[in-house]
N, C-alpha and C. Protein backbone atom coordinates (compact mmCIF):
# COMPACT_ATOMS: atom_id res chain seq x y z
N SER A 1 -61.21 72.87 12.48
CA SER A 1 -61.34 71.72 13.34
C SER A 1 -60.36 71.86 14.51
N THR A 2 -60.78 71.43 15.68
CA THR A 2 -59.96 71.54 16.89
C THR A 2 -59.55 70.17 17.39
N ILE A 3 -58.28 70.05 17.75
CA ILE A 3 -57.76 68.82 18.33
C ILE A 3 -57.45 69.14 19.79
N GLU A 4 -58.07 68.41 20.71
CA GLU A 4 -57.91 68.69 22.13
C GLU A 4 -56.96 67.68 22.78
N PHE A 5 -56.04 68.21 23.57
CA PHE A 5 -55.09 67.41 24.32
C PHE A 5 -55.47 67.57 25.79
N THR A 6 -56.15 66.58 26.36
CA THR A 6 -56.58 66.67 27.75
C THR A 6 -55.93 65.54 28.55
N GLY A 7 -55.56 65.86 29.77
CA GLY A 7 -54.94 64.85 30.62
C GLY A 7 -54.43 65.47 31.90
N ALA A 8 -53.62 64.71 32.60
CA ALA A 8 -53.05 65.15 33.87
C ALA A 8 -51.84 66.05 33.61
N LEU A 9 -51.56 66.90 34.57
CA LEU A 9 -50.37 67.74 34.50
C LEU A 9 -49.14 66.86 34.34
N HIS A 10 -48.25 67.21 33.45
CA HIS A 10 -47.01 66.50 33.10
C HIS A 10 -47.23 65.24 32.26
N ALA A 11 -48.47 64.98 31.86
CA ALA A 11 -48.73 63.82 30.99
C ALA A 11 -48.37 64.16 29.55
N THR A 12 -47.95 63.16 28.80
CA THR A 12 -47.67 63.32 27.37
C THR A 12 -48.82 62.70 26.60
N ILE A 13 -49.43 63.50 25.74
CA ILE A 13 -50.58 63.05 24.96
C ILE A 13 -50.18 63.02 23.48
N VAL A 14 -50.52 61.94 22.81
CA VAL A 14 -50.21 61.78 21.39
C VAL A 14 -51.52 61.67 20.62
N LYS A 15 -51.65 62.45 19.56
CA LYS A 15 -52.83 62.41 18.70
C LYS A 15 -52.37 62.21 17.26
N GLU A 16 -53.22 61.55 16.48
CA GLU A 16 -52.94 61.37 15.06
C GLU A 16 -54.01 62.08 14.24
N VAL A 17 -53.56 62.84 13.25
CA VAL A 17 -54.47 63.49 12.31
C VAL A 17 -54.50 62.61 11.07
N HIS A 18 -55.66 61.99 10.82
CA HIS A 18 -55.80 61.10 9.66
C HIS A 18 -56.19 61.90 8.43
N LEU A 19 -55.52 61.64 7.34
CA LEU A 19 -55.76 62.34 6.08
C LEU A 19 -56.14 61.32 5.01
N LYS A 20 -57.20 61.62 4.26
CA LYS A 20 -57.63 60.73 3.18
C LYS A 20 -57.32 61.38 1.84
N ASN A 21 -56.93 60.57 0.89
CA ASN A 21 -56.66 61.04 -0.46
C ASN A 21 -57.63 60.35 -1.43
N PRO A 22 -58.75 61.02 -1.76
CA PRO A 22 -59.72 60.41 -2.66
C PRO A 22 -59.34 60.55 -4.14
N SER A 23 -58.28 61.29 -4.44
CA SER A 23 -57.92 61.54 -5.84
C SER A 23 -57.16 60.37 -6.45
N LYS A 24 -56.85 60.50 -7.73
CA LYS A 24 -56.09 59.47 -8.44
C LYS A 24 -54.62 59.82 -8.54
N SER A 25 -54.20 60.85 -7.79
CA SER A 25 -52.81 61.28 -7.79
C SER A 25 -52.28 61.25 -6.36
N THR A 26 -50.97 61.14 -6.23
CA THR A 26 -50.33 61.16 -4.92
C THR A 26 -50.33 62.59 -4.37
N LEU A 27 -50.62 62.71 -3.07
CA LEU A 27 -50.58 64.01 -2.39
C LEU A 27 -49.48 63.99 -1.35
N ALA A 28 -48.85 65.14 -1.15
CA ALA A 28 -47.82 65.27 -0.11
C ALA A 28 -48.08 66.56 0.67
N TYR A 29 -47.85 66.49 1.99
CA TYR A 29 -48.06 67.64 2.85
C TYR A 29 -46.85 67.86 3.75
N ASN A 30 -46.55 69.13 3.99
CA ASN A 30 -45.57 69.54 5.01
C ASN A 30 -46.36 70.11 6.17
N ALA A 31 -46.03 69.70 7.38
CA ALA A 31 -46.72 70.18 8.57
C ALA A 31 -45.89 71.25 9.26
N VAL A 32 -46.57 72.31 9.72
CA VAL A 32 -45.92 73.41 10.42
C VAL A 32 -46.74 73.73 11.66
N LEU A 33 -46.07 73.91 12.79
CA LEU A 33 -46.74 74.31 14.03
C LEU A 33 -46.44 75.78 14.28
N VAL A 34 -47.49 76.59 14.47
CA VAL A 34 -47.33 78.01 14.73
C VAL A 34 -48.22 78.42 15.90
N GLY A 35 -47.91 79.56 16.50
CA GLY A 35 -48.75 80.08 17.57
C GLY A 35 -48.00 80.25 18.87
N ARG A 36 -48.72 80.76 19.86
CA ARG A 36 -48.16 81.12 21.16
C ARG A 36 -47.39 79.96 21.80
N ASP A 37 -47.95 78.77 21.79
CA ASP A 37 -47.34 77.62 22.46
C ASP A 37 -46.85 76.54 21.49
N ALA A 38 -46.53 76.95 20.27
CA ALA A 38 -46.13 75.98 19.24
C ALA A 38 -44.90 75.17 19.65
N ASP A 39 -44.01 75.76 20.45
CA ASP A 39 -42.80 75.05 20.87
C ASP A 39 -43.10 73.89 21.81
N ASP A 40 -44.27 73.89 22.44
CA ASP A 40 -44.63 72.81 23.36
C ASP A 40 -45.21 71.59 22.63
N PHE A 41 -45.59 71.77 21.38
CA PHE A 41 -46.11 70.68 20.56
C PHE A 41 -44.97 70.18 19.68
N SER A 42 -45.03 68.90 19.30
CA SER A 42 -43.99 68.37 18.41
C SER A 42 -44.60 67.38 17.42
N LEU A 43 -43.84 67.12 16.37
CA LEU A 43 -44.21 66.16 15.33
C LEU A 43 -43.16 65.04 15.37
N PRO A 44 -43.32 64.07 16.29
CA PRO A 44 -42.25 63.08 16.52
C PRO A 44 -41.93 62.17 15.35
N LYS A 45 -42.86 61.98 14.44
CA LYS A 45 -42.60 61.09 13.31
C LYS A 45 -42.30 61.88 12.04
N GLY A 46 -41.93 63.14 12.22
CA GLY A 46 -41.56 63.97 11.07
C GLY A 46 -42.68 64.91 10.66
N ASN A 47 -42.32 65.89 9.84
CA ASN A 47 -43.29 66.90 9.45
C ASN A 47 -43.79 66.75 8.02
N THR A 48 -43.51 65.61 7.39
CA THR A 48 -44.03 65.39 6.03
C THR A 48 -44.81 64.09 5.98
N VAL A 49 -45.79 64.07 5.10
CA VAL A 49 -46.56 62.86 4.86
C VAL A 49 -46.89 62.79 3.37
N THR A 50 -46.74 61.61 2.80
CA THR A 50 -47.11 61.37 1.40
C THR A 50 -48.24 60.36 1.39
N ILE A 51 -49.30 60.69 0.67
CA ILE A 51 -50.48 59.83 0.65
C ILE A 51 -50.72 59.33 -0.78
N PRO A 52 -50.58 58.03 -0.99
CA PRO A 52 -50.83 57.47 -2.32
C PRO A 52 -52.30 57.63 -2.72
N PRO A 53 -52.60 57.49 -4.02
CA PRO A 53 -53.99 57.62 -4.48
C PRO A 53 -54.94 56.66 -3.76
N ALA A 54 -56.11 57.17 -3.40
CA ALA A 54 -57.18 56.39 -2.75
C ALA A 54 -56.71 55.71 -1.46
N ARG A 55 -55.78 56.32 -0.76
CA ARG A 55 -55.26 55.76 0.49
C ARG A 55 -55.37 56.78 1.61
N GLN A 56 -54.85 56.41 2.78
CA GLN A 56 -54.85 57.30 3.94
C GLN A 56 -53.42 57.48 4.44
N GLY A 57 -53.22 58.61 5.11
CA GLY A 57 -51.95 58.89 5.77
C GLY A 57 -52.24 59.58 7.08
N PHE A 58 -51.22 59.80 7.88
CA PHE A 58 -51.46 60.50 9.14
C PHE A 58 -50.22 61.28 9.56
N ILE A 59 -50.48 62.30 10.36
CA ILE A 59 -49.44 63.11 11.01
C ILE A 59 -49.62 62.92 12.51
N THR A 60 -48.55 62.63 13.23
CA THR A 60 -48.60 62.45 14.67
C THR A 60 -48.19 63.75 15.36
N VAL A 61 -49.03 64.19 16.31
CA VAL A 61 -48.75 65.39 17.09
C VAL A 61 -48.64 64.98 18.56
N GLU A 62 -47.58 65.45 19.22
CA GLU A 62 -47.34 65.09 20.62
C GLU A 62 -47.29 66.36 21.46
N PHE A 63 -47.82 66.27 22.69
CA PHE A 63 -47.84 67.41 23.58
C PHE A 63 -47.66 66.93 25.02
N THR A 64 -46.78 67.59 25.77
CA THR A 64 -46.61 67.32 27.20
C THR A 64 -47.15 68.52 27.96
N ILE A 65 -48.13 68.26 28.83
CA ILE A 65 -48.75 69.35 29.60
C ILE A 65 -47.78 69.80 30.68
N ARG A 66 -47.29 71.03 30.55
CA ARG A 66 -46.31 71.56 31.50
C ARG A 66 -46.89 72.62 32.42
N PHE A 67 -47.98 73.26 32.02
CA PHE A 67 -48.55 74.37 32.78
C PHE A 67 -50.03 74.14 33.02
N LEU A 68 -50.58 74.81 34.04
CA LEU A 68 -52.01 74.71 34.32
C LEU A 68 -52.85 75.47 33.30
N ARG A 69 -52.29 76.54 32.74
CA ARG A 69 -53.06 77.31 31.76
C ARG A 69 -53.18 76.53 30.45
N PRO A 70 -54.27 76.74 29.71
CA PRO A 70 -54.42 76.05 28.43
C PRO A 70 -53.36 76.49 27.43
N ALA A 71 -52.82 75.55 26.69
CA ALA A 71 -51.86 75.84 25.62
C ALA A 71 -52.62 75.89 24.30
N GLU A 72 -52.16 76.75 23.38
CA GLU A 72 -52.80 76.88 22.08
C GLU A 72 -51.76 76.98 20.99
N ALA A 73 -52.04 76.35 19.87
CA ALA A 73 -51.19 76.43 18.69
C ALA A 73 -52.05 76.07 17.48
N VAL A 74 -51.45 76.19 16.31
CA VAL A 74 -52.15 75.84 15.07
C VAL A 74 -51.25 74.91 14.27
N LEU A 75 -51.83 73.83 13.78
CA LEU A 75 -51.14 72.90 12.89
C LEU A 75 -51.58 73.24 11.47
N ILE A 76 -50.61 73.59 10.62
CA ILE A 76 -50.91 73.92 9.22
C ILE A 76 -50.32 72.84 8.35
N LEU A 77 -51.13 72.25 7.49
CA LEU A 77 -50.68 71.25 6.52
C LEU A 77 -50.68 71.89 5.14
N ILE A 78 -49.47 72.07 4.59
CA ILE A 78 -49.30 72.74 3.31
C ILE A 78 -48.97 71.70 2.25
N SER A 79 -49.75 71.70 1.21
CA SER A 79 -49.56 70.73 0.13
C SER A 79 -48.34 71.08 -0.70
N THR A 80 -47.60 70.03 -1.10
CA THR A 80 -46.50 70.20 -2.05
C THR A 80 -46.83 69.39 -3.28
N LYS A 81 -46.40 69.89 -4.42
CA LYS A 81 -46.78 69.24 -5.69
C LYS A 81 -46.10 67.88 -5.86
N VAL A 82 -46.93 66.91 -6.17
CA VAL A 82 -46.48 65.57 -6.54
C VAL A 82 -47.37 65.18 -7.72
N ASP A 83 -46.81 64.68 -8.77
CA ASP A 83 -47.57 64.34 -9.98
C ASP A 83 -48.29 65.56 -10.55
N GLY A 84 -47.77 66.77 -10.26
CA GLY A 84 -48.38 67.99 -10.79
C GLY A 84 -49.68 68.39 -10.12
N ILE A 85 -50.04 67.76 -9.00
CA ILE A 85 -51.30 68.04 -8.31
C ILE A 85 -51.01 68.69 -6.96
N ASP A 86 -51.78 69.72 -6.65
CA ASP A 86 -51.71 70.38 -5.34
C ASP A 86 -52.96 70.02 -4.56
N GLY A 87 -52.80 69.70 -3.28
CA GLY A 87 -53.95 69.49 -2.40
C GLY A 87 -54.30 70.80 -1.71
N ALA A 88 -55.39 70.79 -0.98
CA ALA A 88 -55.81 71.98 -0.24
C ALA A 88 -54.98 72.14 1.01
N THR A 89 -54.68 73.39 1.38
CA THR A 89 -54.01 73.67 2.65
C THR A 89 -55.03 73.49 3.76
N MET A 90 -54.63 72.82 4.84
CA MET A 90 -55.54 72.55 5.95
C MET A 90 -54.96 73.10 7.25
N THR A 91 -55.85 73.56 8.13
CA THR A 91 -55.41 74.05 9.44
C THR A 91 -56.22 73.37 10.54
N PHE A 92 -55.55 73.13 11.66
CA PHE A 92 -56.19 72.53 12.82
C PHE A 92 -55.77 73.33 14.05
N SER A 93 -56.73 73.66 14.88
CA SER A 93 -56.45 74.34 16.14
C SER A 93 -56.08 73.29 17.17
N LEU A 94 -54.99 73.51 17.90
CA LEU A 94 -54.53 72.59 18.95
C LEU A 94 -54.73 73.28 20.29
N LYS A 95 -55.43 72.61 21.21
CA LYS A 95 -55.70 73.19 22.53
C LYS A 95 -55.48 72.13 23.59
N SER A 96 -55.02 72.58 24.76
CA SER A 96 -54.81 71.64 25.86
C SER A 96 -55.67 72.03 27.05
N GLU A 97 -55.92 71.04 27.89
CA GLU A 97 -56.67 71.28 29.12
C GLU A 97 -56.19 70.29 30.18
N VAL A 98 -55.90 70.80 31.37
CA VAL A 98 -55.48 69.95 32.49
C VAL A 98 -56.74 69.43 33.16
N LYS A 99 -56.88 68.11 33.21
CA LYS A 99 -58.06 67.49 33.83
C LYS A 99 -57.82 67.16 35.30
N ASN A 100 -56.59 66.83 35.66
CA ASN A 100 -56.28 66.54 37.06
C ASN A 100 -54.79 66.72 37.31
N ILE A 101 -54.46 66.79 38.58
CA ILE A 101 -53.07 66.94 38.99
C ILE A 101 -52.74 65.79 39.92
N GLU A 102 -51.75 65.02 39.56
CA GLU A 102 -51.33 63.90 40.38
C GLU A 102 -49.92 64.17 40.89
N PRO A 103 -49.69 63.94 42.18
CA PRO A 103 -48.36 64.22 42.73
C PRO A 103 -47.33 63.23 42.19
N HIS A 104 -46.11 63.73 42.03
CA HIS A 104 -45.00 62.85 41.62
C HIS A 104 -44.50 62.04 42.80
N GLY A 105 -44.74 62.54 43.99
CA GLY A 105 -44.30 61.85 45.19
C GLY A 105 -44.75 62.63 46.41
N MET A 106 -44.54 62.05 47.58
CA MET A 106 -44.92 62.71 48.81
C MET A 106 -43.71 62.74 49.75
N VAL A 107 -43.62 63.80 50.53
CA VAL A 107 -42.56 63.94 51.51
C VAL A 107 -43.22 64.15 52.86
N LYS A 108 -42.85 63.30 53.83
CA LYS A 108 -43.37 63.45 55.19
C LYS A 108 -42.30 64.13 56.03
N CYS A 109 -42.73 65.09 56.81
CA CYS A 109 -41.79 65.74 57.72
C CYS A 109 -42.51 66.13 59.00
N ARG A 110 -41.74 66.21 60.07
CA ARG A 110 -42.29 66.62 61.36
C ARG A 110 -41.58 67.89 61.77
N SER A 111 -42.37 68.80 62.28
CA SER A 111 -41.83 70.07 62.71
C SER A 111 -42.73 70.66 63.78
N PRO A 112 -42.16 71.29 64.78
CA PRO A 112 -43.02 71.91 65.77
C PRO A 112 -43.77 73.08 65.15
N CYS A 113 -45.02 73.25 65.58
CA CYS A 113 -45.82 74.34 65.05
C CYS A 113 -45.39 75.67 65.63
N TYR A 114 -44.92 75.62 66.91
CA TYR A 114 -44.53 76.86 67.58
C TYR A 114 -43.40 76.56 68.52
N GLU A 115 -42.45 77.42 68.57
CA GLU A 115 -41.32 77.22 69.46
C GLU A 115 -40.95 78.55 70.09
N LEU A 116 -40.76 78.56 71.42
CA LEU A 116 -40.38 79.79 72.11
C LEU A 116 -38.97 80.19 71.77
């Protein structure tokens, strides 16, 4: 599955990965970011999530678009044993795309075009 971060250059985009636990046991996951641009992505609310039985949990991923080229990374969710149960390891592809460029400000200046 791919999670796309699209927006303006220098914009910060926040996405949540929702996780469901259909089992009768508690599940816990550790999140890891790997790949070429993994340092540009962050997990602002921490890299662990515990999901009670028959409930939902989420991992928050944040990205600030710093370059015009697309950024790529992989989010890996690794299950840790709780109540003796292991969940499946999950991976998500993270990709960015710049949709527009907005100036931070404008500077007006006057200068002669040609001078002898």
